[in-house]
Amino acid sequence: MSRFLTTLCLPLVILATASSADLSEMRADRVGWARLQTASPHWKRHSGSDPVLAQFIRENTSLNIDPTWYAADVENLQELCKYPMLFSQGIGTVSSSTARSHLAEYIRRGGFLTIDACINHNVTPDPDAFLADQIRVLTTILPECQVVPIKADHDVFHCYFQIPGGTPPHMYYNNIYDAQWARHGLYAIMLGSRMAGVISLSGLQCGWDRMISPPGLPEACMRMLVNIYTYAMLQGG
């Protein structure tokens, strides 16, 4: 169980494991899915389809995830600390000293941050600039952290579903494959030996919102997110 759960004594027991046999086990206590609320006008983009993701998680894991999605205001540390994992559209607009301090404290306590770019050229026109912006903020608020590519044989690609090739699925913008985005894998936010978060440029959220894409890609995006969530929950303190 993660250090975050132990430190903050959250009423949460996670039963998801690497084996599909656990699907027959008793469900865990209810888990909340929360998005990081920031000053960005896009922080809740695609949130209307978060219940689709929640239903997928309930059907495919032992997690008793709440079908309602929640907002955790980056300006409120108490709100952040209700959730062992927070989902974010990006932290480039987290600029106030209070918000940055709270986000850093959340991560240091053991919280897990998942950042996923929206594959919409009007929202995120440049994947390289988006990644650089996330790294800039993270290394400013957490000087001790490192952001590194996740290798294809890492557990995050195998801890629940088997992700083919150890490569995250990529949504297509306007149903057109974009190599500029697809060349990016997943990136780990590392605090020492602990993975404290993941940066994705895959548009996973576009997947569970079922944007136009090849058949099966939305499900692949949700499987990748399940793996990230599972890996976050199973980390040792």
C-alpha atoms as a PDB file:
ATOM      1  CA  MET A   1       0.000   0.000   0.000  1.00  0.00           C
ATOM      2  CA  SER A   2       1.344   3.454  -0.853  1.00  0.00           C
ATOM      3  CA  ARG A   3       2.960   5.738   1.711  1.00  0.00           C
ATOM      4  CA  PHE A   4       0.241   8.308   0.920  1.00  0.00           C
ATOM      5  CA  LEU A   5      -2.530   5.994   2.118  1.00  0.00           C
ATOM      6  CA  THR A   6      -0.638   5.079   5.279  1.00  0.00           C
ATOM      7  CA  THR A   7       0.359   8.659   6.150  1.00  0.00           C
ATOM      8  CA  LEU A   8      -3.054  10.205   5.637  1.00  0.00           C
ATOM      9  CA  CYS A   9      -5.077   7.212   6.884  1.00  0.00           C
ATOM     10  CA  LEU A  10      -7.505   7.365   3.976  1.00  0.00           C
ATOM     11  CA  PRO A  11     -10.482   4.973   4.275  1.00  0.00           C
ATOM     12  CA  LEU A  12      -9.315   2.990   1.281  1.00  0.00           C
ATOM     13  CA  VAL A  13      -8.218  -0.593   0.660  1.00  0.00           C
ATOM     14  CA  ILE A  14      -7.112  -1.401  -2.870  1.00  0.00           C
ATOM     15  CA  LEU A  15      -7.641  -4.953  -4.094  1.00  0.00           C
ATOM     16  CA  ALA A  16      -6.595  -4.524  -7.704  1.00  0.00           C
ATOM     17  CA  THR A  17      -3.538  -6.678  -8.468  1.00  0.00           C
ATOM     18  CA  ALA A  18      -1.674  -8.000 -11.440  1.00  0.00           C
ATOM     19  CA  SER A  19      -3.875 -11.084 -11.690  1.00  0.00           C
ATOM     20  CA  SER A  20      -7.254 -11.270 -13.370  1.00  0.00           C
ATOM     21  CA  ALA A  21      -8.226 -13.794 -10.697  1.00  0.00           C
ATOM     22  CA  ASP A  22      -8.793 -10.874  -8.359  1.00  0.00           C
ATOM     23  CA  LEU A  23     -11.845  -9.881 -10.379  1.00  0.00           C
ATOM     24  CA  SER A  24     -13.738 -12.509  -8.438  1.00  0.00           C
ATOM     25  CA  GLU A  25     -12.647 -11.089  -5.089  1.00  0.00           C
ATOM     26  CA  MET A  26     -14.756  -8.826  -2.910  1.00  0.00           C
ATOM     27  CA  ARG A  27     -14.658  -5.245  -4.105  1.00  0.00           C
ATOM     28  CA  ALA A  28     -12.573  -2.644  -2.298  1.00  0.00           C
ATOM     29  CA  ASP A  29     -13.998   0.273  -0.365  1.00  0.00           C
ATOM     30  CA  ARG A  30     -15.164   3.049  -2.668  1.00  0.00           C
ATOM     31  CA  VAL A  31     -12.437   4.914  -4.522  1.00  0.00           C
ATOM     32  CA  GLY A  32     -12.854   8.469  -5.781  1.00  0.00           C
ATOM     33  CA  TRP A  33     -11.716   9.645  -9.213  1.00  0.00           C
ATOM     34  CA  ALA A  34     -10.605  13.272  -9.097  1.00  0.00           C
ATOM     35  CA  ARG A  35      -9.317  15.815 -11.552  1.00  0.00           C
ATOM     36  CA  LEU A  36      -6.861  18.514 -10.506  1.00  0.00           C
ATOM     37  CA  GLN A  37      -8.679  21.838 -10.724  1.00  0.00           C
ATOM     38  CA  THR A  38      -6.365  24.584 -11.952  1.00  0.00           C
ATOM     39  CA  ALA A  39      -6.677  28.013 -13.547  1.00  0.00           C
ATOM     40  CA  SER A  40      -6.652  26.432 -16.998  1.00  0.00           C
ATOM     41  CA  PRO A  41      -9.988  26.694 -18.837  1.00  0.00           C
ATOM     42  CA  HIS A  42      -9.407  23.107 -19.993  1.00  0.00           C
ATOM     43  CA  TRP A  43      -8.899  21.425 -16.604  1.00  0.00           C
ATOM     44  CA  LYS A  44     -12.191  19.524 -16.862  1.00  0.00           C
ATOM     45  CA  ARG A  45     -12.239  18.906 -20.607  1.00  0.00           C
ATOM     46  CA  HIS A  46     -13.665  15.411 -21.319  1.00  0.00           C
ATOM     47  CA  SER A  47     -14.832  15.096 -17.694  1.00  0.00           C
ATOM     48  CA  GLY A  48     -18.380  14.448 -18.898  1.00  0.00           C
ATOM     49  CA  SER A  49     -17.188  11.006 -19.986  1.00  0.00           C
ATOM     50  CA  ASP A  50     -15.326  10.145 -16.784  1.00  0.00           C
ATOM     51  CA  PRO A  51     -18.284   7.920 -15.779  1.00  0.00           C
ATOM     52  CA  VAL A  52     -17.484   5.849 -18.910  1.00  0.00           C
ATOM     53  CA  LEU A  53     -14.006   5.279 -17.524  1.00  0.00           C
ATOM     54  CA  ALA A  54     -15.404   4.517 -14.060  1.00  0.00           C
ATOM     55  CA  GLN A  55     -17.731   1.905 -15.497  1.00  0.00           C
ATOM     56  CA  PHE A  56     -14.858   0.321 -17.425  1.00  0.00           C
ATOM     57  CA  ILE A  57     -12.801   0.146 -14.224  1.00  0.00           C
ATOM     58  CA  ARG A  58     -15.691  -1.405 -12.292  1.00  0.00           C
ATOM     59  CA  GLU A  59     -16.265  -4.028 -14.978  1.00  0.00           C
ATOM     60  CA  ASN A  60     -12.611  -4.955 -15.388  1.00  0.00           C
ATOM     61  CA  THR A  61     -11.069  -4.656 -11.914  1.00  0.00           C
ATOM     62  CA  SER A  62     -12.014  -5.129  -8.291  1.00  0.00           C
ATOM     63  CA  LEU A  63     -11.965  -1.391  -7.650  1.00  0.00           C
ATOM     64  CA  ASN A  64     -15.264  -0.066  -6.348  1.00  0.00           C
ATOM     65  CA  ILE A  65     -14.743   3.275  -8.042  1.00  0.00           C
ATOM     66  CA  ASP A  66     -17.354   5.966  -7.540  1.00  0.00           C
ATOM     67  CA  PRO A  67     -19.188   6.711 -10.814  1.00  0.00           C
ATOM     68  CA  THR A  68     -19.118  10.415  -9.892  1.00  0.00           C
ATOM     69  CA  TRP A  69     -15.956  12.358 -10.700  1.00  0.00           C
ATOM     70  CA  TYR A  70     -14.609  14.940  -8.283  1.00  0.00           C
ATOM     71  CA  ALA A  71     -12.608  18.149  -8.466  1.00  0.00           C
ATOM     72  CA  ALA A  72      -9.615  18.747  -6.220  1.00  0.00           C
ATOM     73  CA  ASP A  73      -8.680  22.434  -6.162  1.00  0.00           C
ATOM     74  CA  VAL A  74      -4.904  22.864  -6.372  1.00  0.00           C
ATOM     75  CA  GLU A  75      -5.271  25.817  -3.985  1.00  0.00           C
ATOM     76  CA  ASN A  76      -6.659  23.510  -1.268  1.00  0.00           C
ATOM     77  CA  LEU A  77      -4.242  20.939   0.163  1.00  0.00           C
ATOM     78  CA  GLN A  78      -6.984  19.223   2.159  1.00  0.00           C
ATOM     79  CA  GLU A  79      -8.932  18.552  -1.042  1.00  0.00           C
ATOM     80  CA  LEU A  80      -5.851  17.178  -2.805  1.00  0.00           C
ATOM     81  CA  CYS A  81      -5.114  14.814   0.054  1.00  0.00           C
ATOM     82  CA  LYS A  82      -8.492  13.108  -0.200  1.00  0.00           C
ATOM     83  CA  TYR A  83      -7.296  11.233  -3.280  1.00  0.00           C
ATOM     84  CA  PRO A  84      -4.311   8.885  -3.711  1.00  0.00           C
ATOM     85  CA  MET A  85      -4.171   9.749  -7.420  1.00  0.00           C
ATOM     86  CA  LEU A  86      -5.066  12.978  -9.203  1.00  0.00           C
ATOM     87  CA  PHE A  87      -5.653  13.299 -12.940  1.00  0.00           C
ATOM     88  CA  SER A  88      -4.567  16.506 -14.653  1.00  0.00           C
ATOM     89  CA  GLN A  89      -4.818  18.106 -18.077  1.00  0.00           C
ATOM     90  CA  GLY A  90      -1.513  19.803 -17.325  1.00  0.00           C
ATOM     91  CA  ILE A  91       0.100  21.885 -14.601  1.00  0.00           C
ATOM     92  CA  GLY A  92       1.519  24.662 -16.750  1.00  0.00           C
ATOM     93  CA  THR A  93      -0.986  27.150 -15.301  1.00  0.00           C
ATOM     94  CA  VAL A  94      -0.215  26.260 -11.675  1.00  0.00           C
ATOM     95  CA  SER A  95       1.547  29.524 -10.927  1.00  0.00           C
ATOM     96  CA  SER A  96       0.576  30.798  -7.473  1.00  0.00           C
ATOM     97  CA  SER A  97       3.023  30.071  -4.654  1.00  0.00           C
ATOM     98  CA  THR A  98       0.230  28.516  -2.575  1.00  0.00           C
ATOM     99  CA  ALA A  99      -0.871  26.152  -5.332  1.00  0.00           C
ATOM    100  CA  ARG A 100       2.676  25.104  -6.130  1.00  0.00           C
ATOM    101  CA  SER A 101       3.442  24.490  -2.475  1.00  0.00           C
ATOM    102  CA  HIS A 102       0.292  22.377  -2.095  1.00  0.00           C
ATOM    103  CA  LEU A 103       0.990  20.299  -5.186  1.00  0.00           C
ATOM    104  CA  ALA A 104       4.566  19.658  -4.075  1.00  0.00           C
ATOM    105  CA  GLU A 105       3.392  18.672  -0.591  1.00  0.00           C
ATOM    106  CA  TYR A 106       0.755  16.329  -2.015  1.00  0.00           C
ATOM    107  CA  ILE A 107       3.385  14.530  -4.088  1.00  0.00           C
ATOM    108  CA  ARG A 108       5.932  14.412  -1.260  1.00  0.00           C
ATOM    109  CA  ARG A 109       3.351  12.810   1.036  1.00  0.00           C
ATOM    110  CA  GLY A 110       2.971   9.973  -1.432  1.00  0.00           C
ATOM    111  CA  GLY A 111       0.278  11.274  -3.778  1.00  0.00           C
ATOM    112  CA  PHE A 112       0.424  10.203  -7.418  1.00  0.00           C
ATOM    113  CA  LEU A 113      -0.086  12.688 -10.265  1.00  0.00           C
ATOM    114  CA  THR A 114      -1.182  11.557 -13.725  1.00  0.00           C
ATOM    115  CA  ILE A 115      -0.836  14.230 -16.406  1.00  0.00           C
ATOM    116  CA  ASP A 116      -2.381  13.491 -19.805  1.00  0.00           C
ATOM    117  CA  ALA A 117      -2.331  15.876 -22.736  1.00  0.00           C
ATOM    118  CA  CYS A 118      -5.520  16.402 -24.721  1.00  0.00           C
ATOM    119  CA  ILE A 119      -4.874  15.516 -28.365  1.00  0.00           C
ATOM    120  CA  ASN A 120      -6.550  18.645 -29.677  1.00  0.00           C
ATOM    121  CA  HIS A 121      -4.391  21.096 -31.568  1.00  0.00           C
ATOM    122  CA  ASN A 122      -6.467  23.973 -30.237  1.00  0.00           C
ATOM    123  CA  VAL A 123      -5.761  22.872 -26.650  1.00  0.00           C
ATOM    124  CA  THR A 124      -2.245  21.425 -26.933  1.00  0.00           C
ATOM    125  CA  PRO A 125      -0.727  22.529 -30.256  1.00  0.00           C
ATOM    126  CA  ASP A 126       2.818  21.300 -29.584  1.00  0.00           C
ATOM    127  CA  PRO A 127       3.550  18.049 -27.704  1.00  0.00           C
ATOM    128  CA  ASP A 128       7.213  18.931 -27.147  1.00  0.00           C
ATOM    129  CA  ALA A 129       6.294  22.300 -25.659  1.00  0.00           C
ATOM    130  CA  PHE A 130       3.635  20.645 -23.481  1.00  0.00           C
ATOM    131  CA  LEU A 131       6.125  18.130 -22.090  1.00  0.00           C
ATOM    132  CA  ALA A 132       8.730  20.839 -21.483  1.00  0.00           C
ATOM    133  CA  ASP A 133       6.155  22.928 -19.638  1.00  0.00           C
ATOM    134  CA  GLN A 134       5.234  20.054 -17.315  1.00  0.00           C
ATOM    135  CA  ILE A 135       8.905  19.368 -16.578  1.00  0.00           C
ATOM    136  CA  ARG A 136       9.555  23.061 -15.961  1.00  0.00           C
ATOM    137  CA  VAL A 137       6.847  23.310 -13.304  1.00  0.00           C
ATOM    138  CA  LEU A 138       7.663  19.956 -11.693  1.00  0.00           C
ATOM    139  CA  THR A 139      11.379  20.652 -11.345  1.00  0.00           C
ATOM    140  CA  THR A 140      10.624  24.127 -10.000  1.00  0.00           C
ATOM    141  CA  ILE A 141       8.277  22.952  -7.246  1.00  0.00           C
ATOM    142  CA  LEU A 142      10.150  19.677  -6.648  1.00  0.00           C
ATOM    143  CA  PRO A 143      13.839  20.322  -7.324  1.00  0.00           C
ATOM    144  CA  GLU A 144      14.638  16.779  -6.220  1.00  0.00           C
ATOM    145  CA  CYS A 145      12.442  15.154  -8.872  1.00  0.00           C
ATOM    146  CA  GLN A 146      13.469  13.785 -12.242  1.00  0.00           C
ATOM    147  CA  VAL A 147      11.323  13.157 -15.315  1.00  0.00           C
ATOM    148  CA  VAL A 148      12.511  10.157 -17.310  1.00  0.00           C
ATOM    149  CA  PRO A 149      11.115   8.003 -20.156  1.00  0.00           C
ATOM    150  CA  ILE A 150       9.431   4.784 -19.008  1.00  0.00           C
ATOM    151  CA  LYS A 151      10.950   1.714 -20.632  1.00  0.00           C
ATOM    152  CA  ALA A 152       8.786  -0.792 -22.500  1.00  0.00           C
ATOM    153  CA  ASP A 153       9.429  -3.564 -19.956  1.00  0.00           C
ATOM    154  CA  HIS A 154       8.282  -1.471 -16.981  1.00  0.00           C
ATOM    155  CA  ASP A 155       5.543  -2.883 -14.743  1.00  0.00           C
ATOM    156  CA  VAL A 156       3.180  -0.057 -15.646  1.00  0.00           C
ATOM    157  CA  PHE A 157       2.710  -1.768 -19.021  1.00  0.00           C
ATOM    158  CA  HIS A 158       2.106  -5.205 -17.498  1.00  0.00           C
ATOM    159  CA  CYS A 159       0.752  -4.813 -13.952  1.00  0.00           C
ATOM    160  CA  TYR A 160      -2.864  -5.486 -14.939  1.00  0.00           C
ATOM    161  CA  PHE A 161      -3.487  -5.495 -18.667  1.00  0.00           C
ATOM    162  CA  GLN A 162      -0.730  -6.445 -21.079  1.00  0.00           C
ATOM    163  CA  ILE A 163      -0.037  -3.329 -23.166  1.00  0.00           C
ATOM    164  CA  PRO A 164       1.298  -4.504 -26.565  1.00  0.00           C
ATOM    165  CA  GLY A 165       4.938  -3.641 -27.095  1.00  0.00           C
ATOM    166  CA  GLY A 166       5.139  -1.640 -23.895  1.00  0.00           C
ATOM    167  CA  THR A 167       3.897   1.325 -25.916  1.00  0.00           C
ATOM    168  CA  PRO A 168       0.978   3.512 -24.825  1.00  0.00           C
ATOM    169  CA  PRO A 169      -1.919   3.852 -27.272  1.00  0.00           C
ATOM    170  CA  HIS A 170      -2.241   7.231 -28.968  1.00  0.00           C
ATOM    171  CA  MET A 171      -5.510   8.866 -29.914  1.00  0.00           C
ATOM    172  CA  TYR A 172      -5.804  10.361 -33.385  1.00  0.00           C
ATOM    173  CA  TYR A 173      -6.673  14.049 -33.800  1.00  0.00           C
ATOM    174  CA  ASN A 174      -9.498  14.365 -36.351  1.00  0.00           C
ATOM    175  CA  ASN A 175      -8.924  10.653 -37.062  1.00  0.00           C
ATOM    176  CA  ILE A 176      -5.462  11.413 -38.490  1.00  0.00           C
ATOM    177  CA  TYR A 177      -2.333   9.689 -37.181  1.00  0.00           C
ATOM    178  CA  ASP A 178       0.219  12.245 -36.008  1.00  0.00           C
ATOM    179  CA  ALA A 179       3.784  10.974 -35.687  1.00  0.00           C
ATOM    180  CA  GLN A 180       4.810  14.084 -33.759  1.00  0.00           C
ATOM    181  CA  TRP A 181       2.605  12.913 -30.888  1.00  0.00           C
ATOM    182  CA  ALA A 182       2.993   9.165 -31.316  1.00  0.00           C
ATOM    183  CA  ARG A 183       6.782   9.259 -30.936  1.00  0.00           C
ATOM    184  CA  HIS A 184       6.276  10.055 -27.249  1.00  0.00           C
ATOM    185  CA  GLY A 185       5.927   7.201 -24.778  1.00  0.00           C
ATOM    186  CA  LEU A 186       5.126   7.625 -21.093  1.00  0.00           C
ATOM    187  CA  TYR A 187       7.334   9.619 -18.749  1.00  0.00           C
ATOM    188  CA  ALA A 188       7.840   8.917 -15.055  1.00  0.00           C
ATOM    189  CA  ILE A 189       7.960  11.591 -12.373  1.00  0.00           C
ATOM    190  CA  MET A 190      10.575  10.174 -10.015  1.00  0.00           C
ATOM    191  CA  LEU A 191      11.279  11.142  -6.411  1.00  0.00           C
ATOM    192  CA  GLY A 192      14.307   9.052  -5.634  1.00  0.00           C
ATOM    193  CA  SER A 193      13.290   5.454  -6.325  1.00  0.00           C
ATOM    194  CA  ARG A 194       9.556   6.170  -6.103  1.00  0.00           C
ATOM    195  CA  MET A 195       7.464   6.866  -9.180  1.00  0.00           C
ATOM    196  CA  ALA A 196       5.326   9.793  -8.039  1.00  0.00           C
ATOM    197  CA  GLY A 197       3.454  10.290 -11.270  1.00  0.00           C
ATOM    198  CA  VAL A 198       3.190   9.760 -15.014  1.00  0.00           C
ATOM    199  CA  ILE A 199       3.158  12.202 -17.903  1.00  0.00           C
ATOM    200  CA  SER A 200       1.277  10.997 -20.971  1.00  0.00           C
ATOM    201  CA  LEU A 201       1.071  12.645 -24.381  1.00  0.00           C
ATOM    202  CA  SER A 202      -1.316   9.954 -25.605  1.00  0.00           C
ATOM    203  CA  GLY A 203      -4.665  11.660 -25.149  1.00  0.00           C
ATOM    204  CA  LEU A 204      -5.986   8.807 -23.016  1.00  0.00           C
ATOM    205  CA  GLN A 205      -8.889  10.981 -21.889  1.00  0.00           C
ATOM    206  CA  CYS A 206      -9.839  11.548 -25.536  1.00  0.00           C
ATOM    207  CA  GLY A 207     -10.151   7.778 -25.656  1.00  0.00           C
ATOM    208  CA  TRP A 208     -12.716   7.320 -22.925  1.00  0.00           C
ATOM    209  CA  ASP A 209     -14.577  10.296 -24.354  1.00  0.00           C
ATOM    210  CA  ARG A 210     -14.743   8.131 -27.507  1.00  0.00           C
ATOM    211  CA  MET A 211     -13.484  10.767 -29.897  1.00  0.00           C
ATOM    212  CA  ILE A 212     -13.182   9.668 -33.532  1.00  0.00           C
ATOM    213  CA  SER A 213     -10.502   6.997 -33.731  1.00  0.00           C
ATOM    214  CA  PRO A 214      -9.828   3.509 -35.111  1.00  0.00           C
ATOM    215  CA  PRO A 215     -12.020   0.796 -33.553  1.00  0.00           C
ATOM    216  CA  GLY A 216     -10.729  -0.479 -30.227  1.00  0.00           C
ATOM    217  CA  LEU A 217      -8.531   2.520 -29.465  1.00  0.00           C
ATOM    218  CA  PRO A 218     -10.815   4.000 -26.772  1.00  0.00           C
ATOM    219  CA  GLU A 219     -10.712   0.682 -24.881  1.00  0.00           C
ATOM    220  CA  ALA A 220      -6.939   0.554 -25.271  1.00  0.00           C
ATOM    221  CA  CYS A 221      -6.677   4.021 -23.743  1.00  0.00           C
ATOM    222  CA  MET A 222      -8.789   2.953 -20.777  1.00  0.00           C
ATOM    223  CA  ARG A 223      -6.697  -0.183 -20.284  1.00  0.00           C
ATOM    224  CA  MET A 224      -3.586   1.990 -20.141  1.00  0.00           C
ATOM    225  CA  LEU A 225      -5.168   4.233 -17.529  1.00  0.00           C
ATOM    226  CA  VAL A 226      -6.207   1.203 -15.459  1.00  0.00           C
ATOM    227  CA  ASN A 227      -2.578   0.076 -15.474  1.00  0.00           C
ATOM    228  CA  ILE A 228      -1.374   3.501 -14.350  1.00  0.00           C
ATOM    229  CA  TYR A 229      -3.968   3.577 -11.562  1.00  0.00           C
ATOM    230  CA  THR A 230      -3.167   0.028 -10.486  1.00  0.00           C
ATOM    231  CA  TYR A 231       0.568   0.679 -10.476  1.00  0.00           C
ATOM    232  CA  ALA A 232       0.076   3.826  -8.398  1.00  0.00           C
ATOM    233  CA  MET A 233      -2.014   1.971  -5.824  1.00  0.00           C
ATOM    234  CA  LEU A 234       0.335  -0.991  -5.502  1.00  0.00           C
ATOM    235  CA  GLN A 235       3.522   0.922  -4.876  1.00  0.00           C
ATOM    236  CA  GLY A 236       5.184   0.254  -1.570  1.00  0.00           C
ATOM    237  CA  GLY A 237       5.942   3.078   0.862  1.00  0.00           C
END
